[in-house]
N, C-alpha and C. Protein backbone atom coordinates (compact mmCIF):
# COMPACT_ATOMS: atom_id res chain seq x y z
N UNK A 1 -188.61 58.84 -110.70
CA UNK A 1 -188.20 57.47 -110.49
C UNK A 1 -187.63 57.36 -109.08
N UNK A 2 -188.16 56.44 -108.30
CA UNK A 2 -187.68 56.31 -106.94
C UNK A 2 -186.48 55.37 -106.87
N UNK A 3 -185.97 55.21 -105.67
CA UNK A 3 -184.76 54.42 -105.47
C UNK A 3 -184.98 52.95 -105.83
N UNK A 4 -186.14 52.38 -105.49
CA UNK A 4 -186.40 50.97 -105.79
C UNK A 4 -186.43 50.70 -107.29
N UNK A 5 -187.02 51.61 -108.03
CA UNK A 5 -187.08 51.44 -109.49
C UNK A 5 -185.68 51.47 -110.08
N UNK A 6 -184.86 52.41 -109.61
CA UNK A 6 -183.49 52.49 -110.11
C UNK A 6 -182.71 51.24 -109.73
N UNK A 7 -182.97 50.72 -108.53
CA UNK A 7 -182.28 49.53 -108.08
C UNK A 7 -182.65 48.33 -108.95
N UNK A 8 -183.94 48.17 -109.26
CA UNK A 8 -184.38 47.07 -110.12
C UNK A 8 -183.80 47.19 -111.52
N UNK A 9 -183.79 48.40 -112.05
CA UNK A 9 -183.25 48.63 -113.38
C UNK A 9 -181.77 48.26 -113.42
N UNK A 10 -181.05 48.63 -112.40
CA UNK A 10 -179.62 48.33 -112.33
C UNK A 10 -179.40 46.82 -112.26
N UNK A 11 -180.21 46.12 -111.45
CA UNK A 11 -180.08 44.67 -111.33
C UNK A 11 -180.36 43.99 -112.66
N UNK A 12 -181.35 44.49 -113.39
CA UNK A 12 -181.67 43.89 -114.69
C UNK A 12 -180.53 44.09 -115.68
N UNK A 13 -179.92 45.26 -115.65
CA UNK A 13 -178.81 45.52 -116.55
C UNK A 13 -177.61 44.66 -116.21
N UNK A 14 -177.37 44.45 -114.92
CA UNK A 14 -176.26 43.60 -114.51
C UNK A 14 -176.52 42.16 -114.95
N UNK A 15 -177.76 41.69 -114.77
CA UNK A 15 -178.10 40.33 -115.17
C UNK A 15 -177.95 40.16 -116.68
N UNK A 16 -178.37 41.15 -117.45
CA UNK A 16 -178.27 41.08 -118.91
C UNK A 16 -176.82 41.05 -119.36
N UNK A 17 -175.96 41.76 -118.65
CA UNK A 17 -174.55 41.78 -119.02
C UNK A 17 -173.84 40.48 -118.68
N UNK A 18 -174.39 39.69 -117.77
CA UNK A 18 -173.77 38.42 -117.40
C UNK A 18 -174.09 37.31 -118.39
N UNK A 19 -175.07 37.49 -119.23
CA UNK A 19 -175.44 36.46 -120.19
C UNK A 19 -174.33 36.29 -121.21
N UNK A 20 -174.05 35.05 -121.58
CA UNK A 20 -172.99 34.84 -122.58
C UNK A 20 -173.41 35.41 -123.93
N UNK A 21 -172.46 35.87 -124.66
CA UNK A 21 -172.71 36.45 -125.97
C UNK A 21 -172.76 35.33 -127.01
N UNK A 22 -173.91 34.66 -127.08
CA UNK A 22 -174.07 33.54 -128.00
C UNK A 22 -174.90 33.96 -129.20
N UNK A 23 -174.65 33.30 -130.30
CA UNK A 23 -175.47 33.51 -131.49
C UNK A 23 -176.72 32.67 -131.33
N UNK A 24 -177.87 33.30 -131.21
CA UNK A 24 -179.11 32.59 -130.91
C UNK A 24 -179.98 32.36 -132.15
N UNK A 25 -179.46 32.64 -133.33
CA UNK A 25 -180.25 32.45 -134.54
C UNK A 25 -180.56 30.98 -134.79
N UNK A 26 -179.71 30.09 -134.34
CA UNK A 26 -179.90 28.67 -134.58
C UNK A 26 -181.02 28.09 -133.73
N UNK A 27 -181.47 28.79 -132.69
CA UNK A 27 -182.54 28.28 -131.84
C UNK A 27 -183.86 28.12 -132.60
N UNK A 28 -184.08 28.93 -133.62
CA UNK A 28 -185.28 28.79 -134.45
C UNK A 28 -185.32 27.41 -135.10
N UNK A 29 -184.19 26.94 -135.56
CA UNK A 29 -184.13 25.64 -136.21
C UNK A 29 -184.33 24.50 -135.20
N UNK A 30 -183.81 24.67 -134.00
CA UNK A 30 -184.03 23.67 -132.95
C UNK A 30 -185.52 23.58 -132.63
N UNK A 31 -186.18 24.73 -132.51
CA UNK A 31 -187.62 24.73 -132.23
C UNK A 31 -188.40 24.11 -133.38
N UNK A 32 -188.02 24.41 -134.61
CA UNK A 32 -188.69 23.85 -135.78
C UNK A 32 -188.59 22.33 -135.79
N UNK A 33 -187.40 21.82 -135.57
CA UNK A 33 -187.20 20.37 -135.59
C UNK A 33 -187.91 19.70 -134.41
N UNK A 34 -187.79 20.29 -133.23
CA UNK A 34 -188.42 19.70 -132.04
C UNK A 34 -189.94 19.67 -132.17
N UNK A 35 -190.53 20.79 -132.52
CA UNK A 35 -191.98 20.84 -132.70
C UNK A 35 -192.46 19.94 -133.81
N UNK A 36 -191.71 19.92 -134.89
CA UNK A 36 -192.07 19.07 -136.02
C UNK A 36 -192.03 17.59 -135.67
N UNK A 37 -190.97 17.18 -134.97
CA UNK A 37 -190.86 15.77 -134.58
C UNK A 37 -191.95 15.37 -133.58
N UNK A 38 -192.22 16.24 -132.62
CA UNK A 38 -193.26 15.93 -131.65
C UNK A 38 -194.62 15.76 -132.31
N UNK A 39 -194.96 16.68 -133.20
CA UNK A 39 -196.27 16.57 -133.85
C UNK A 39 -196.31 15.39 -134.82
N UNK A 40 -195.19 15.08 -135.46
CA UNK A 40 -195.14 13.95 -136.39
C UNK A 40 -195.37 12.64 -135.65
N UNK A 41 -194.65 12.46 -134.54
CA UNK A 41 -194.75 11.19 -133.80
C UNK A 41 -196.06 11.08 -133.03
N UNK A 42 -196.69 12.20 -132.74
CA UNK A 42 -198.02 12.14 -132.12
C UNK A 42 -199.11 11.90 -133.16
N UNK A 43 -198.78 12.07 -134.42
CA UNK A 43 -199.74 11.81 -135.48
C UNK A 43 -200.76 12.92 -135.67
N UNK A 44 -200.39 14.15 -135.34
CA UNK A 44 -201.32 15.27 -135.51
C UNK A 44 -201.52 15.54 -137.00
N UNK A 45 -202.75 15.78 -137.38
CA UNK A 45 -203.08 16.09 -138.77
C UNK A 45 -204.18 17.13 -138.78
N UNK A 46 -203.82 18.38 -139.00
CA UNK A 46 -204.80 19.46 -139.06
C UNK A 46 -205.54 19.48 -140.39
N UNK A 47 -205.05 18.73 -141.36
CA UNK A 47 -205.62 18.74 -142.70
C UNK A 47 -206.37 17.44 -143.01
N UNK A 48 -206.90 16.80 -141.99
CA UNK A 48 -207.57 15.51 -142.16
C UNK A 48 -208.84 15.62 -143.01
N UNK A 49 -209.49 16.76 -142.98
CA UNK A 49 -210.74 16.92 -143.73
C UNK A 49 -210.50 17.24 -145.21
N UNK A 50 -209.29 17.57 -145.57
CA UNK A 50 -208.98 17.88 -146.96
C UNK A 50 -208.64 16.60 -147.72
N UNK A 51 -208.87 16.58 -149.03
CA UNK A 51 -208.59 15.36 -149.81
C UNK A 51 -207.11 15.25 -150.18
N UNK A 52 -206.26 15.16 -149.19
CA UNK A 52 -204.82 14.96 -149.41
C UNK A 52 -204.39 13.73 -148.62
N UNK A 53 -203.29 13.09 -149.02
CA UNK A 53 -202.83 11.91 -148.28
C UNK A 53 -202.49 12.26 -146.82
N UNK A 54 -202.73 11.33 -145.91
CA UNK A 54 -202.47 11.60 -144.49
C UNK A 54 -201.01 11.95 -144.20
N UNK A 55 -200.08 11.40 -144.95
CA UNK A 55 -198.66 11.70 -144.73
C UNK A 55 -198.38 13.17 -145.05
N UNK A 56 -198.97 13.68 -146.10
CA UNK A 56 -198.78 15.08 -146.48
C UNK A 56 -199.41 15.99 -145.42
N UNK A 57 -200.60 15.66 -144.96
CA UNK A 57 -201.26 16.45 -143.92
C UNK A 57 -200.47 16.46 -142.63
N UNK A 58 -199.92 15.30 -142.25
CA UNK A 58 -199.11 15.23 -141.04
C UNK A 58 -197.82 16.02 -141.22
N UNK A 59 -197.23 15.97 -142.40
CA UNK A 59 -196.02 16.74 -142.66
C UNK A 59 -196.26 18.25 -142.61
N UNK A 60 -197.36 18.68 -143.21
CA UNK A 60 -197.71 20.11 -143.16
C UNK A 60 -198.00 20.55 -141.73
N UNK A 61 -198.67 19.69 -140.96
CA UNK A 61 -198.93 20.01 -139.56
C UNK A 61 -197.64 20.11 -138.78
N UNK A 62 -196.70 19.21 -139.06
CA UNK A 62 -195.39 19.26 -138.38
C UNK A 62 -194.67 20.56 -138.68
N UNK A 63 -194.76 21.04 -139.93
CA UNK A 63 -194.13 22.33 -140.27
C UNK A 63 -194.80 23.48 -139.54
N UNK A 64 -196.12 23.46 -139.46
CA UNK A 64 -196.83 24.54 -138.77
C UNK A 64 -196.52 24.55 -137.28
N UNK A 65 -196.53 23.37 -136.67
CA UNK A 65 -196.24 23.31 -135.23
C UNK A 65 -194.79 23.71 -134.96
N UNK A 66 -193.88 23.24 -135.79
CA UNK A 66 -192.48 23.60 -135.62
C UNK A 66 -192.23 25.07 -135.85
N UNK A 67 -192.96 25.67 -136.77
CA UNK A 67 -192.79 27.10 -137.06
C UNK A 67 -193.33 27.99 -135.98
N UNK A 68 -194.25 27.49 -135.19
CA UNK A 68 -194.76 28.25 -134.06
C UNK A 68 -195.90 29.18 -134.43
N UNK A 69 -196.27 29.97 -133.45
CA UNK A 69 -197.44 30.84 -133.61
C UNK A 69 -197.26 31.92 -134.67
N UNK A 70 -196.08 32.50 -134.88
CA UNK A 70 -195.99 33.51 -135.95
C UNK A 70 -196.28 32.92 -137.33
N UNK A 71 -195.79 31.72 -137.57
CA UNK A 71 -196.03 31.09 -138.87
C UNK A 71 -197.52 30.75 -139.04
N UNK A 72 -198.14 30.23 -138.00
CA UNK A 72 -199.57 29.90 -138.07
C UNK A 72 -200.39 31.16 -138.31
N UNK A 73 -200.02 32.26 -137.66
CA UNK A 73 -200.73 33.53 -137.83
C UNK A 73 -200.64 33.99 -139.29
N UNK A 74 -199.48 33.92 -139.88
CA UNK A 74 -199.30 34.36 -141.27
C UNK A 74 -200.10 33.47 -142.21
N UNK A 75 -200.05 32.15 -141.99
CA UNK A 75 -200.76 31.21 -142.88
C UNK A 75 -202.26 31.42 -142.80
N UNK A 76 -202.79 31.57 -141.59
CA UNK A 76 -204.23 31.75 -141.44
C UNK A 76 -204.68 33.07 -142.06
N UNK A 77 -203.93 34.13 -141.87
CA UNK A 77 -204.32 35.43 -142.44
C UNK A 77 -204.21 35.43 -143.96
N UNK A 78 -203.26 34.70 -144.53
CA UNK A 78 -203.15 34.63 -145.99
C UNK A 78 -204.27 33.77 -146.58
N UNK A 79 -204.74 32.78 -145.81
CA UNK A 79 -205.77 31.87 -146.32
C UNK A 79 -207.15 32.51 -146.34
N UNK A 80 -207.37 33.50 -145.51
CA UNK A 80 -208.68 34.16 -145.49
C UNK A 80 -208.86 34.96 -146.77
N UNK A 81 -209.97 34.75 -147.42
CA UNK A 81 -210.25 35.51 -148.63
C UNK A 81 -210.78 36.88 -148.23
N UNK A 82 -210.27 37.93 -148.85
CA UNK A 82 -210.78 39.26 -148.52
C UNK A 82 -212.22 39.42 -148.99
N UNK A 83 -212.98 40.11 -148.21
CA UNK A 83 -214.39 40.33 -148.54
C UNK A 83 -214.52 41.77 -149.06
N UNK A 84 -214.93 41.86 -150.31
CA UNK A 84 -215.10 43.17 -150.92
C UNK A 84 -216.58 43.45 -151.06
N UNK A 85 -217.01 44.65 -150.78
CA UNK A 85 -218.44 44.97 -150.93
C UNK A 85 -218.82 45.00 -152.42
N UNK A 86 -220.07 44.66 -152.67
CA UNK A 86 -220.57 44.70 -154.03
C UNK A 86 -220.82 46.16 -154.41
N UNK A 87 -220.25 46.55 -155.50
CA UNK A 87 -220.41 47.93 -155.98
C UNK A 87 -221.16 47.87 -157.30
N UNK A 88 -222.31 48.49 -157.33
CA UNK A 88 -223.09 48.49 -158.57
C UNK A 88 -222.68 49.66 -159.46
N UNK A 89 -222.51 49.36 -160.71
CA UNK A 89 -222.14 50.42 -161.66
C UNK A 89 -223.28 50.79 -162.54
């Protein structure tokens, strides 16, 4: 490790120590509400092709957008049906 690398590492550690010690768990809820409200007021509906009321589709879309990419990833992977090979007995 050369001098510049050590210098950068030290600067990063100093910067990290200057950050206030805040509880950041509540930020997930702020993101959920903000994303949900934005998608609700924009009228996004990812479930428009399904036979459900538009209000329900918009509400589900608001939850997905507010939950972010990890939630969408989990929902999409759970919705995929596993493909099993046909085994003849």
